């Protein structure tokens, strides 16, 4: 298992990434994380604000 695939590690990256002034792509590049992995964990963790809006439409 790669370090960036550890759920706890990715939670920390998501928190730091959102607090940084970097774009998601720039944060991923700087930290050696594949952007699709970051997006996956971001969506799974519930830190995606528009998900609630979308689910209310369904």
PDB file of N, CA and C in Angstrom:
ATOM      1  N   UNK A   1       0.853  -1.190   0.000  1.00  0.00           N
ATOM      2  CA  UNK A   1       0.000   0.000   0.000  1.00  0.00           C
ATOM      3  C   UNK A   1       0.888   1.239   0.000  1.00  0.00           C
ATOM      4  N   UNK A   2       0.602   2.123  -0.899  1.00  0.00           N
ATOM      5  CA  UNK A   2       1.349   3.373  -0.953  1.00  0.00           C
ATOM      6  C   UNK A   2       0.940   4.265   0.209  1.00  0.00           C
ATOM      7  N   UNK A   3       1.850   5.121   0.679  1.00  0.00           N
ATOM      8  CA  UNK A   3       1.519   5.989   1.816  1.00  0.00           C
ATOM      9  C   UNK A   3       0.313   6.880   1.563  1.00  0.00           C
ATOM     10  N   UNK A   4       0.126   7.313   0.313  1.00  0.00           N
ATOM     11  CA  UNK A   4      -0.989   8.208   0.042  1.00  0.00           C
ATOM     12  C   UNK A   4      -2.315   7.478  -0.018  1.00  0.00           C
ATOM     13  N   UNK A   5      -2.312   6.147   0.053  1.00  0.00           N
ATOM     14  CA  UNK A   5      -3.550   5.390   0.039  1.00  0.00           C
ATOM     15  C   UNK A   5      -4.054   5.079   1.447  1.00  0.00           C
ATOM     16  N   UNK A   6      -3.310   5.463   2.446  1.00  0.00           N
ATOM     17  CA  UNK A   6      -3.729   5.273   3.823  1.00  0.00           C
ATOM     18  C   UNK A   6      -4.789   6.328   4.143  1.00  0.00           C
ATOM     19  N   UNK A   7      -5.942   5.906   4.601  1.00  0.00           N
ATOM     20  CA  UNK A   7      -7.064   6.819   4.828  1.00  0.00           C
ATOM     21  C   UNK A   7      -6.710   7.948   5.805  1.00  0.00           C
ATOM     22  N   UNK A   8      -6.059   7.616   6.892  1.00  0.00           N
ATOM     23  CA  UNK A   8      -5.700   8.644   7.878  1.00  0.00           C
ATOM     24  C   UNK A   8      -4.712   9.647   7.289  1.00  0.00           C
ATOM     25  N   UNK A   9      -3.762   9.163   6.522  1.00  0.00           N
ATOM     26  CA  UNK A   9      -2.793  10.043   5.879  1.00  0.00           C
ATOM     27  C   UNK A   9      -3.493  10.976   4.903  1.00  0.00           C
ATOM     28  N   UNK A  10      -4.416  10.429   4.130  1.00  0.00           N
ATOM     29  CA  UNK A  10      -5.121  11.247   3.145  1.00  0.00           C
ATOM     30  C   UNK A  10      -6.037  12.265   3.815  1.00  0.00           C
ATOM     31  N   UNK A  11      -6.615  11.921   4.948  1.00  0.00           N
ATOM     32  CA  UNK A  11      -7.438  12.892   5.684  1.00  0.00           C
ATOM     33  C   UNK A  11      -6.594  14.104   6.065  1.00  0.00           C
ATOM     34  N   UNK A  12      -5.374  13.850   6.498  1.00  0.00           N
ATOM     35  CA  UNK A  12      -4.464  14.940   6.837  1.00  0.00           C
ATOM     36  C   UNK A  12      -4.119  15.779   5.620  1.00  0.00           C
ATOM     37  N   UNK A  13      -3.880  15.125   4.492  1.00  0.00           N
ATOM     38  CA  UNK A  13      -3.586  15.854   3.262  1.00  0.00           C
ATOM     39  C   UNK A  13      -4.777  16.703   2.817  1.00  0.00           C
ATOM     40  N   UNK A  14      -5.967  16.176   2.955  1.00  0.00           N
ATOM     41  CA  UNK A  14      -7.160  16.931   2.558  1.00  0.00           C
ATOM     42  C   UNK A  14      -7.292  18.177   3.421  1.00  0.00           C
ATOM     43  N   UNK A  15      -7.104  18.028   4.722  1.00  0.00           N
ATOM     44  CA  UNK A  15      -7.184  19.168   5.634  1.00  0.00           C
ATOM     45  C   UNK A  15      -6.121  20.212   5.292  1.00  0.00           C
ATOM     46  N   UNK A  16      -4.890  19.763   5.099  1.00  0.00           N
ATOM     47  CA  UNK A  16      -3.804  20.687   4.765  1.00  0.00           C
ATOM     48  C   UNK A  16      -4.004  21.305   3.386  1.00  0.00           C
ATOM     49  N   UNK A  17      -4.487  20.523   2.454  1.00  0.00           N
ATOM     50  CA  UNK A  17      -4.707  21.031   1.104  1.00  0.00           C
ATOM     51  C   UNK A  17      -5.768  22.112   1.064  1.00  0.00           C
ATOM     52  N   UNK A  18      -6.832  21.938   1.831  1.00  0.00           N
ATOM     53  CA  UNK A  18      -7.893  22.936   1.862  1.00  0.00           C
ATOM     54  C   UNK A  18      -7.441  24.194   2.592  1.00  0.00           C
ATOM     55  N   UNK A  19      -6.550  24.047   3.557  1.00  0.00           N
ATOM     56  CA  UNK A  19      -6.067  25.201   4.313  1.00  0.00           C
ATOM     57  C   UNK A  19      -4.984  25.972   3.561  1.00  0.00           C
ATOM     58  N   UNK A  20      -4.377  25.320   2.586  1.00  0.00           N
ATOM     59  CA  UNK A  20      -3.305  25.988   1.840  1.00  0.00           C
ATOM     60  C   UNK A  20      -3.890  26.927   0.793  1.00  0.00           C
ATOM     61  N   UNK A  21      -3.035  27.770   0.268  1.00  0.00           N
ATOM     62  CA  UNK A  21      -3.444  28.683  -0.799  1.00  0.00           C
ATOM     63  C   UNK A  21      -3.237  28.066  -2.175  1.00  0.00           C
ATOM     64  N   UNK A  22      -2.887  26.790  -2.214  1.00  0.00           N
ATOM     65  CA  UNK A  22      -2.605  26.111  -3.471  1.00  0.00           C
ATOM     66  C   UNK A  22      -3.875  25.532  -4.083  1.00  0.00           C
ATOM     67  N   UNK A  23      -3.844  25.370  -5.393  1.00  0.00           N
ATOM     68  CA  UNK A  23      -4.928  24.642  -6.044  1.00  0.00           C
ATOM     69  C   UNK A  23      -4.756  23.171  -5.696  1.00  0.00           C
ATOM     70  N   UNK A  24      -5.793  22.392  -5.932  1.00  0.00           N
ATOM     71  CA  UNK A  24      -5.712  20.968  -5.642  1.00  0.00           C
ATOM     72  C   UNK A  24      -4.592  20.329  -6.469  1.00  0.00           C
ATOM     73  N   UNK A  25      -4.499  20.692  -7.740  1.00  0.00           N
ATOM     74  CA  UNK A  25      -3.457  20.133  -8.609  1.00  0.00           C
ATOM     75  C   UNK A  25      -2.062  20.501  -8.110  1.00  0.00           C
ATOM     76  N   UNK A  26      -1.878  21.749  -7.705  1.00  0.00           N
ATOM     77  CA  UNK A  26      -0.572  22.191  -7.215  1.00  0.00           C
ATOM     78  C   UNK A  26      -0.218  21.492  -5.904  1.00  0.00           C
ATOM     79  N   UNK A  27      -1.194  21.339  -5.015  1.00  0.00           N
ATOM     80  CA  UNK A  27      -0.940  20.660  -3.744  1.00  0.00           C
ATOM     81  C   UNK A  27      -0.538  19.209  -3.991  1.00  0.00           C
ATOM     82  N   UNK A  28      -1.251  18.554  -4.885  1.00  0.00           N
ATOM     83  CA  UNK A  28      -0.940  17.159  -5.195  1.00  0.00           C
ATOM     84  C   UNK A  28       0.459  17.021  -5.784  1.00  0.00           C
ATOM     85  N   UNK A  29       0.805  17.900  -6.697  1.00  0.00           N
ATOM     86  CA  UNK A  29       2.126  17.846  -7.319  1.00  0.00           C
ATOM     87  C   UNK A  29       3.218  18.068  -6.278  1.00  0.00           C
ATOM     88  N   UNK A  30       3.007  19.038  -5.408  1.00  0.00           N
ATOM     89  CA  UNK A  30       3.994  19.369  -4.377  1.00  0.00           C
ATOM     90  C   UNK A  30       4.195  18.230  -3.379  1.00  0.00           C
ATOM     91  N   UNK A  31       3.130  17.441  -3.146  1.00  0.00           N
ATOM     92  CA  UNK A  31       3.191  16.378  -2.139  1.00  0.00           C
ATOM     93  C   UNK A  31       3.284  14.978  -2.740  1.00  0.00           C
ATOM     94  N   UNK A  32       3.411  14.896  -4.065  1.00  0.00           N
ATOM     95  CA  UNK A  32       3.574  13.596  -4.707  1.00  0.00           C
ATOM     96  C   UNK A  32       2.336  12.717  -4.649  1.00  0.00           C
ATOM     97  N   UNK A  33       1.176  13.338  -4.707  1.00  0.00           N
ATOM     98  CA  UNK A  33      -0.093  12.607  -4.649  1.00  0.00           C
ATOM     99  C   UNK A  33      -0.738  12.669  -6.028  1.00  0.00           C
ATOM    100  N   UNK A  34      -1.271  11.557  -6.484  1.00  0.00           N
ATOM    101  CA  UNK A  34      -1.983  11.557  -7.752  1.00  0.00           C
ATOM    102  C   UNK A  34      -3.309  12.287  -7.542  1.00  0.00           C
ATOM    103  N   UNK A  35      -3.624  13.249  -8.414  1.00  0.00           N
ATOM    104  CA  UNK A  35      -4.844  14.050  -8.222  1.00  0.00           C
ATOM    105  C   UNK A  35      -6.124  13.227  -8.110  1.00  0.00           C
ATOM    106  N   UNK A  36      -6.224  12.130  -8.850  1.00  0.00           N
ATOM    107  CA  UNK A  36      -7.449  11.335  -8.767  1.00  0.00           C
ATOM    108  C   UNK A  36      -7.575  10.629  -7.410  1.00  0.00           C
ATOM    109  N   UNK A  37      -6.449  10.305  -6.790  1.00  0.00           N
ATOM    110  CA  UNK A  37      -6.480   9.713  -5.447  1.00  0.00           C
ATOM    111  C   UNK A  37      -6.945  10.762  -4.436  1.00  0.00           C
ATOM    112  N   UNK A  38      -6.408  11.976  -4.549  1.00  0.00           N
ATOM    113  CA  UNK A  38      -6.816  13.064  -3.664  1.00  0.00           C
ATOM    114  C   UNK A  38      -8.316  13.319  -3.810  1.00  0.00           C
ATOM    115  N   UNK A  39      -8.802  13.382  -5.044  1.00  0.00           N
ATOM    116  CA  UNK A  39     -10.229  13.631  -5.292  1.00  0.00           C
ATOM    117  C   UNK A  39     -11.094  12.528  -4.713  1.00  0.00           C
ATOM    118  N   UNK A  40     -10.650  11.287  -4.871  1.00  0.00           N
ATOM    119  CA  UNK A  40     -11.403  10.161  -4.325  1.00  0.00           C
ATOM    120  C   UNK A  40     -11.586  10.300  -2.815  1.00  0.00           C
ATOM    121  N   UNK A  41     -10.491  10.515  -2.112  1.00  0.00           N
ATOM    122  CA  UNK A  41     -10.570  10.633  -0.657  1.00  0.00           C
ATOM    123  C   UNK A  41     -11.321  11.884  -0.231  1.00  0.00           C
ATOM    124  N   UNK A  42     -11.220  12.927  -0.997  1.00  0.00           N
ATOM    125  CA  UNK A  42     -11.963  14.148  -0.690  1.00  0.00           C
ATOM    126  C   UNK A  42     -13.462  13.891  -0.798  1.00  0.00           C
ATOM    127  N   UNK A  43     -13.874  13.173  -1.825  1.00  0.00           N
ATOM    128  CA  UNK A  43     -15.287  12.843  -1.996  1.00  0.00           C
ATOM    129  C   UNK A  43     -15.777  11.864  -0.938  1.00  0.00           C
ATOM    130  N   UNK A  44     -14.977  10.876  -0.629  1.00  0.00           N
ATOM    131  CA  UNK A  44     -15.348   9.857   0.362  1.00  0.00           C
ATOM    132  C   UNK A  44     -15.437  10.454   1.761  1.00  0.00           C
ATOM    133  N   UNK A  45     -14.579  11.422   2.055  1.00  0.00           N
ATOM    134  CA  UNK A  45     -14.523  11.970   3.409  1.00  0.00           C
ATOM    135  C   UNK A  45     -15.673  12.921   3.718  1.00  0.00           C
ATOM    136  N   UNK A  46     -16.428  13.315   2.720  1.00  0.00           N
ATOM    137  CA  UNK A  46     -17.540  14.227   2.962  1.00  0.00           C
ATOM    138  C   UNK A  46     -17.128  15.679   2.998  1.00  0.00           C
ATOM    139  N   UNK A  47     -15.906  15.982   2.599  1.00  0.00           N
ATOM    140  CA  UNK A  47     -15.436  17.360   2.587  1.00  0.00           C
ATOM    141  C   UNK A  47     -15.732  18.061   1.268  1.00  0.00           C
ATOM    142  N   UNK A  48     -16.720  17.602   0.586  1.00  0.00           N
ATOM    143  CA  UNK A  48     -17.081  18.179  -0.691  1.00  0.00           C
ATOM    144  C   UNK A  48     -18.429  18.851  -0.516  1.00  0.00           C
ATOM    145  N   UNK A  49     -18.463  20.157  -0.323  1.00  0.00           N
ATOM    146  CA  UNK A  49     -19.684  20.850   0.052  1.00  0.00           C
ATOM    147  C   UNK A  49     -20.845  20.694  -0.933  1.00  0.00           C
ATOM    148  N   UNK A  50     -20.566  20.573  -2.218  1.00  0.00           N
ATOM    149  CA  UNK A  50     -21.672  20.522  -3.162  1.00  0.00           C
ATOM    150  C   UNK A  50     -22.371  19.168  -3.209  1.00  0.00           C
ATOM    151  N   UNK A  51     -21.834  18.148  -2.537  1.00  0.00           N
ATOM    152  CA  UNK A  51     -22.466  16.839  -2.536  1.00  0.00           C
ATOM    153  C   UNK A  51     -23.843  16.908  -1.881  1.00  0.00           C
ATOM    154  N   UNK A  52     -23.971  17.649  -0.781  1.00  0.00           N
ATOM    155  CA  UNK A  52     -25.254  17.778  -0.115  1.00  0.00           C
ATOM    156  C   UNK A  52     -26.289  18.432  -1.030  1.00  0.00           C
ATOM    157  N   UNK A  53     -25.861  19.424  -1.782  1.00  0.00           N
ATOM    158  CA  UNK A  53     -26.764  20.096  -2.698  1.00  0.00           C
ATOM    159  C   UNK A  53     -27.227  19.160  -3.796  1.00  0.00           C
ATOM    160  N   UNK A  54     -26.308  18.332  -4.319  1.00  0.00           N
ATOM    161  CA  UNK A  54     -26.660  17.400  -5.371  1.00  0.00           C
ATOM    162  C   UNK A  54     -27.587  16.316  -4.867  1.00  0.00           C
ATOM    163  N   UNK A  55     -27.350  15.799  -3.681  1.00  0.00           N
ATOM    164  CA  UNK A  55     -28.175  14.712  -3.158  1.00  0.00           C
ATOM    165  C   UNK A  55     -29.596  15.188  -2.878  1.00  0.00           C
ATOM    166  N   UNK A  56     -29.768  16.474  -2.612  1.00  0.00           N
ATOM    167  CA  UNK A  56     -31.112  16.970  -2.364  1.00  0.00           C
ATOM    168  C   UNK A  56     -31.922  17.076  -3.653  1.00  0.00           C
ATOM    169  N   UNK A  57     -31.217  17.076  -4.785  1.00  0.00           N
ATOM    170  CA  UNK A  57     -31.905  17.140  -6.070  1.00  0.00           C
ATOM    171  C   UNK A  57     -32.431  15.783  -6.500  1.00  0.00           C
ATOM    172  N   UNK A  58     -31.855  14.730  -5.956  1.00  0.00           N
ATOM    173  CA  UNK A  58     -32.228  13.368  -6.370  1.00  0.00           C
ATOM    174  C   UNK A  58     -33.462  12.905  -5.645  1.00  0.00           C
TER     175      UNK A  58
END
